[in-house]
Amino acid sequence: MYLITPPNFEPAPFAEDLARALDAGDVGALQIRLKDAPDDAVRRAVDALRPVAQARGVAVILNDRADLAVETGCDGAHLGQQDGGHTAARRLIGPERTLGITCHASRHLAMEAGEAGADYVAFGAFFPTATKETQHRPAPEILEWWSGMFELPCVAIGGITAENCAPLVRAGADFLAVVGAVWGHPDGPAAGVRAMDAAIAAALA
């Protein structure tokens, strides 16, 4: 699981929710995603969440900002197609940090991302999502194509839940990016993580 923060949160209390979620199951990465937030707000969020995640062996990825990822000690950055030069970002964050790139539903963009030095590519949105407006809706086959052709990991994103994730797992997604299925779970984030873990295991069985 590739866990993404909700669009808005108060860092200190949210850090407690995050700890409970990460302790509940298998999370490989946490993306801190604060669209259009001031730099100081992003810094405060990273300062609160990074120690919680890193203490549990979970990589912290900052959305949109390679420069702030380096400054704040994150483990990497995730960039969209409009977030500046990917090759320059690769140089900026260095070989020791992770670079992820959004590729929507495009095989061409994914191959370009690999050439720019991405450590993973993200495809989506596979399902309707309330987190952001989406114009691209790939089919699971793009995951099959990518995983069959390249060793670089791929992340599936967009409206993914315990109920709908099985085709993406079977198609070869290395990670499932999740927001609402965890933070919006009626029994709390820990229950959301456990439900996703169980669904992924069932799909792989």
Protein backbone atom coordinates (compact mmCIF):
# COMPACT_ATOMS: atom_id res chain seq x y z
CA MET A 1 0.00 0.00 0.00
CA TYR A 2 1.09 3.54 -0.89
CA LEU A 3 -0.76 5.73 1.59
CA ILE A 4 -1.55 9.36 0.70
CA THR A 5 -2.56 11.96 3.26
CA PRO A 6 -6.03 13.49 3.04
CA PRO A 7 -6.26 16.91 1.36
CA ASN A 8 -6.46 18.80 4.67
CA PHE A 9 -5.35 17.91 8.18
CA GLU A 10 -3.91 19.35 11.36
CA PRO A 11 -0.40 17.90 11.62
CA ALA A 12 -0.18 17.11 15.35
CA PRO A 13 -3.46 15.21 15.84
CA PHE A 14 -3.16 13.63 12.41
CA ALA A 15 0.24 12.22 13.36
CA GLU A 16 -1.53 10.11 15.98
CA ASP A 17 -3.99 8.78 13.39
CA LEU A 18 -1.08 8.07 11.08
CA ALA A 19 0.74 6.06 13.73
CA ARG A 20 -2.33 3.90 14.32
CA ALA A 21 -2.78 3.37 10.58
CA LEU A 22 0.84 2.42 9.95
CA ASP A 23 0.85 0.04 12.92
CA ALA A 24 -2.20 -1.76 11.53
CA GLY A 25 -0.69 -3.27 8.40
CA ASP A 26 1.68 -3.27 5.46
CA VAL A 27 2.31 0.27 4.19
CA GLY A 28 5.37 0.84 2.00
CA ALA A 29 5.23 4.60 1.52
CA LEU A 30 3.47 7.71 2.76
CA GLN A 31 2.90 10.58 0.36
CA ILE A 32 2.38 13.96 2.02
CA ARG A 33 0.07 15.75 -0.38
CA LEU A 34 -0.90 19.33 0.44
CA LYS A 35 -1.95 21.04 -2.77
CA ASP A 36 -1.36 24.80 -2.90
CA ALA A 37 -0.39 24.99 0.78
CA PRO A 38 2.20 27.58 1.84
CA ASP A 39 5.73 26.26 2.20
CA ASP A 40 5.66 26.73 5.98
CA ALA A 41 2.50 24.62 6.24
CA VAL A 42 4.19 21.88 4.25
CA ARG A 43 7.25 22.07 6.49
CA ARG A 44 5.10 21.76 9.62
CA ALA A 45 3.30 18.75 8.18
CA VAL A 46 6.54 17.02 7.25
CA ASP A 47 8.05 17.76 10.66
CA ALA A 48 5.07 16.10 12.34
CA LEU A 49 4.61 13.10 10.05
CA ARG A 50 8.08 12.19 8.82
CA PRO A 51 9.37 10.85 12.17
CA VAL A 52 6.22 8.75 12.62
CA ALA A 53 6.59 7.10 9.22
CA GLN A 54 10.36 6.74 9.13
CA ALA A 55 10.44 5.17 12.59
CA ARG A 56 8.26 2.41 11.12
CA GLY A 57 10.35 1.93 7.99
CA VAL A 58 7.83 3.73 5.79
CA ALA A 59 9.30 6.00 3.09
CA VAL A 60 8.06 9.59 3.14
CA ILE A 61 7.36 11.06 -0.30
CA LEU A 62 6.50 14.74 -0.73
CA ASN A 63 4.07 15.61 -3.49
CA ASP A 64 4.93 18.27 -6.11
CA ARG A 65 8.06 19.74 -4.54
CA ALA A 66 11.45 18.14 -5.05
CA ASP A 67 13.18 21.13 -3.44
CA LEU A 68 11.15 20.94 -0.22
CA ALA A 69 11.55 17.16 -0.15
CA VAL A 70 15.31 17.61 0.07
CA GLU A 71 15.10 20.51 2.53
CA THR A 72 12.77 18.69 4.94
CA GLY A 73 14.51 15.32 4.91
CA CYS A 74 11.88 13.37 3.01
CA ASP A 75 12.81 10.11 1.32
CA GLY A 76 11.67 11.31 -2.08
CA ALA A 77 9.33 13.40 -4.20
CA HIS A 78 6.35 12.67 -6.42
CA LEU A 79 5.85 14.94 -9.42
CA GLY A 80 3.02 15.44 -11.85
CA GLN A 81 3.41 16.26 -15.49
CA GLN A 82 3.22 20.01 -14.76
CA ASP A 83 5.61 20.05 -11.80
CA GLY A 84 8.75 21.19 -13.58
CA GLY A 85 11.54 19.31 -15.27
CA HIS A 86 11.74 15.70 -14.18
CA THR A 87 15.38 15.31 -15.20
CA ALA A 88 16.28 18.38 -13.16
CA ALA A 89 14.34 17.01 -10.20
CA ARG A 90 16.26 13.76 -10.48
CA ARG A 91 19.52 15.67 -10.22
CA LEU A 92 18.22 17.77 -7.34
CA ILE A 93 17.07 14.95 -5.10
CA GLY A 94 20.10 12.79 -5.87
CA PRO A 95 20.42 9.03 -6.20
CA GLU A 96 19.64 8.31 -2.55
CA ARG A 97 16.05 9.62 -2.75
CA THR A 98 13.04 8.25 -4.61
CA LEU A 99 11.45 10.03 -7.58
CA GLY A 100 7.93 9.12 -8.66
CA ILE A 101 6.16 10.56 -11.69
CA THR A 102 2.48 10.68 -12.60
CA CYS A 103 1.86 9.25 -16.07
CA HIS A 104 -1.98 9.26 -16.18
CA ALA A 105 -3.03 6.73 -18.84
CA SER A 106 -0.03 7.21 -21.14
CA ARG A 107 2.49 4.56 -22.06
CA HIS A 108 4.57 7.26 -23.73
CA LEU A 109 4.73 9.41 -20.59
CA ALA A 110 5.66 6.37 -18.54
CA MET A 111 8.58 5.54 -20.81
CA GLU A 112 9.68 9.18 -20.73
CA ALA A 113 9.53 9.09 -16.93
CA GLY A 114 11.77 6.05 -16.88
CA GLU A 115 14.24 7.79 -19.16
CA ALA A 116 14.19 10.86 -16.86
CA GLY A 117 15.27 8.69 -13.95
CA ALA A 118 12.01 7.92 -12.18
CA ASP A 119 12.12 5.19 -9.52
CA TYR A 120 8.44 4.42 -10.08
CA VAL A 121 5.61 5.51 -12.38
CA ALA A 122 2.01 6.12 -11.36
CA PHE A 123 -1.03 5.37 -13.53
CA GLY A 124 -4.58 6.56 -12.90
CA ALA A 125 -7.21 7.45 -11.99
CA PHE A 126 -8.58 3.94 -12.33
CA PHE A 127 -11.85 4.76 -10.55
CA PRO A 128 -13.81 7.92 -9.77
CA THR A 129 -12.24 9.86 -6.92
CA ALA A 130 -13.26 12.81 -4.80
CA THR A 131 -9.63 13.72 -4.06
CA LYS A 132 -8.95 15.52 -7.34
CA GLU A 133 -10.43 16.15 -10.75
CA THR A 134 -9.33 13.50 -13.21
CA GLN A 135 -9.35 13.50 -16.98
CA HIS A 136 -7.58 10.20 -17.52
CA ARG A 137 -9.07 6.76 -16.93
CA PRO A 138 -6.67 3.94 -17.84
CA ALA A 139 -7.68 0.30 -18.01
CA PRO A 140 -5.89 -2.30 -15.84
CA GLU A 141 -4.19 -3.56 -19.01
CA ILE A 142 -1.70 -0.69 -18.81
CA LEU A 143 -0.40 -2.23 -15.57
CA GLU A 144 -0.02 -5.62 -17.29
CA TRP A 145 1.86 -3.99 -20.15
CA TRP A 146 4.18 -2.04 -17.89
CA SER A 147 4.99 -4.86 -15.48
CA GLY A 148 5.57 -7.21 -18.38
CA MET A 149 7.94 -4.83 -20.16
CA PHE A 150 9.83 -3.00 -17.42
CA GLU A 151 11.33 -3.69 -14.01
CA LEU A 152 10.51 -0.21 -12.70
CA PRO A 153 7.65 -0.43 -10.16
CA CYS A 154 4.23 0.98 -11.00
CA VAL A 155 1.67 2.55 -8.68
CA ALA A 156 -2.06 2.44 -9.35
CA ILE A 157 -4.00 5.47 -8.10
CA GLY A 158 -7.51 6.88 -8.10
CA GLY A 159 -10.57 5.82 -6.09
CA ILE A 160 -9.04 2.50 -5.04
CA THR A 161 -10.84 0.61 -2.27
CA ALA A 162 -10.81 -2.84 -0.72
CA GLU A 163 -13.86 -3.64 -2.86
CA ASN A 164 -12.44 -2.70 -6.27
CA CYS A 165 -8.68 -3.25 -6.02
CA ALA A 166 -8.47 -6.91 -7.05
CA PRO A 167 -8.20 -6.34 -10.85
CA LEU A 168 -5.35 -3.88 -10.31
CA VAL A 169 -3.46 -6.26 -8.06
CA ARG A 170 -3.86 -9.09 -10.54
CA ALA A 171 -2.83 -6.82 -13.43
CA GLY A 172 0.55 -6.25 -11.81
CA ALA A 173 0.37 -3.05 -9.75
CA ASP A 174 3.34 -3.01 -7.40
CA PHE A 175 1.63 -0.50 -5.10
CA LEU A 176 -1.92 0.72 -4.60
CA ALA A 177 -2.23 4.40 -3.74
CA VAL A 178 -5.02 4.90 -1.23
CA VAL A 179 -6.61 7.94 0.40
CA GLY A 180 -10.33 7.67 1.22
CA ALA A 181 -10.36 3.90 1.74
CA VAL A 182 -8.16 4.43 4.79
CA TRP A 183 -8.89 7.92 6.13
CA GLY A 184 -12.60 7.70 5.36
CA HIS A 185 -13.14 4.17 6.66
CA PRO A 186 -16.19 4.10 8.97
CA ASP A 187 -14.26 2.17 11.63
CA GLY A 188 -11.18 4.38 11.45
CA PRO A 189 -7.86 4.43 9.56
CA ALA A 190 -6.44 1.30 11.20
CA ALA A 191 -9.48 -0.68 10.07
CA GLY A 192 -9.06 0.81 6.60
CA VAL A 193 -5.48 -0.42 6.40
CA ARG A 194 -6.46 -3.88 7.61
CA ALA A 195 -9.28 -4.06 5.03
CA MET A 196 -6.92 -3.09 2.22
CA ASP A 197 -4.32 -5.62 3.35
CA ALA A 198 -6.92 -8.37 3.40
CA ALA A 199 -8.22 -7.42 -0.05
CA ILE A 200 -4.70 -7.38 -1.54
CA ALA A 201 -3.92 -10.77 0.00
CA ALA A 202 -7.16 -12.21 -1.34
CA ALA A 203 -6.46 -10.89 -4.83
CA LEU A 204 -2.99 -12.47 -4.80
CA ALA A 205 -4.22 -15.82 -3.46
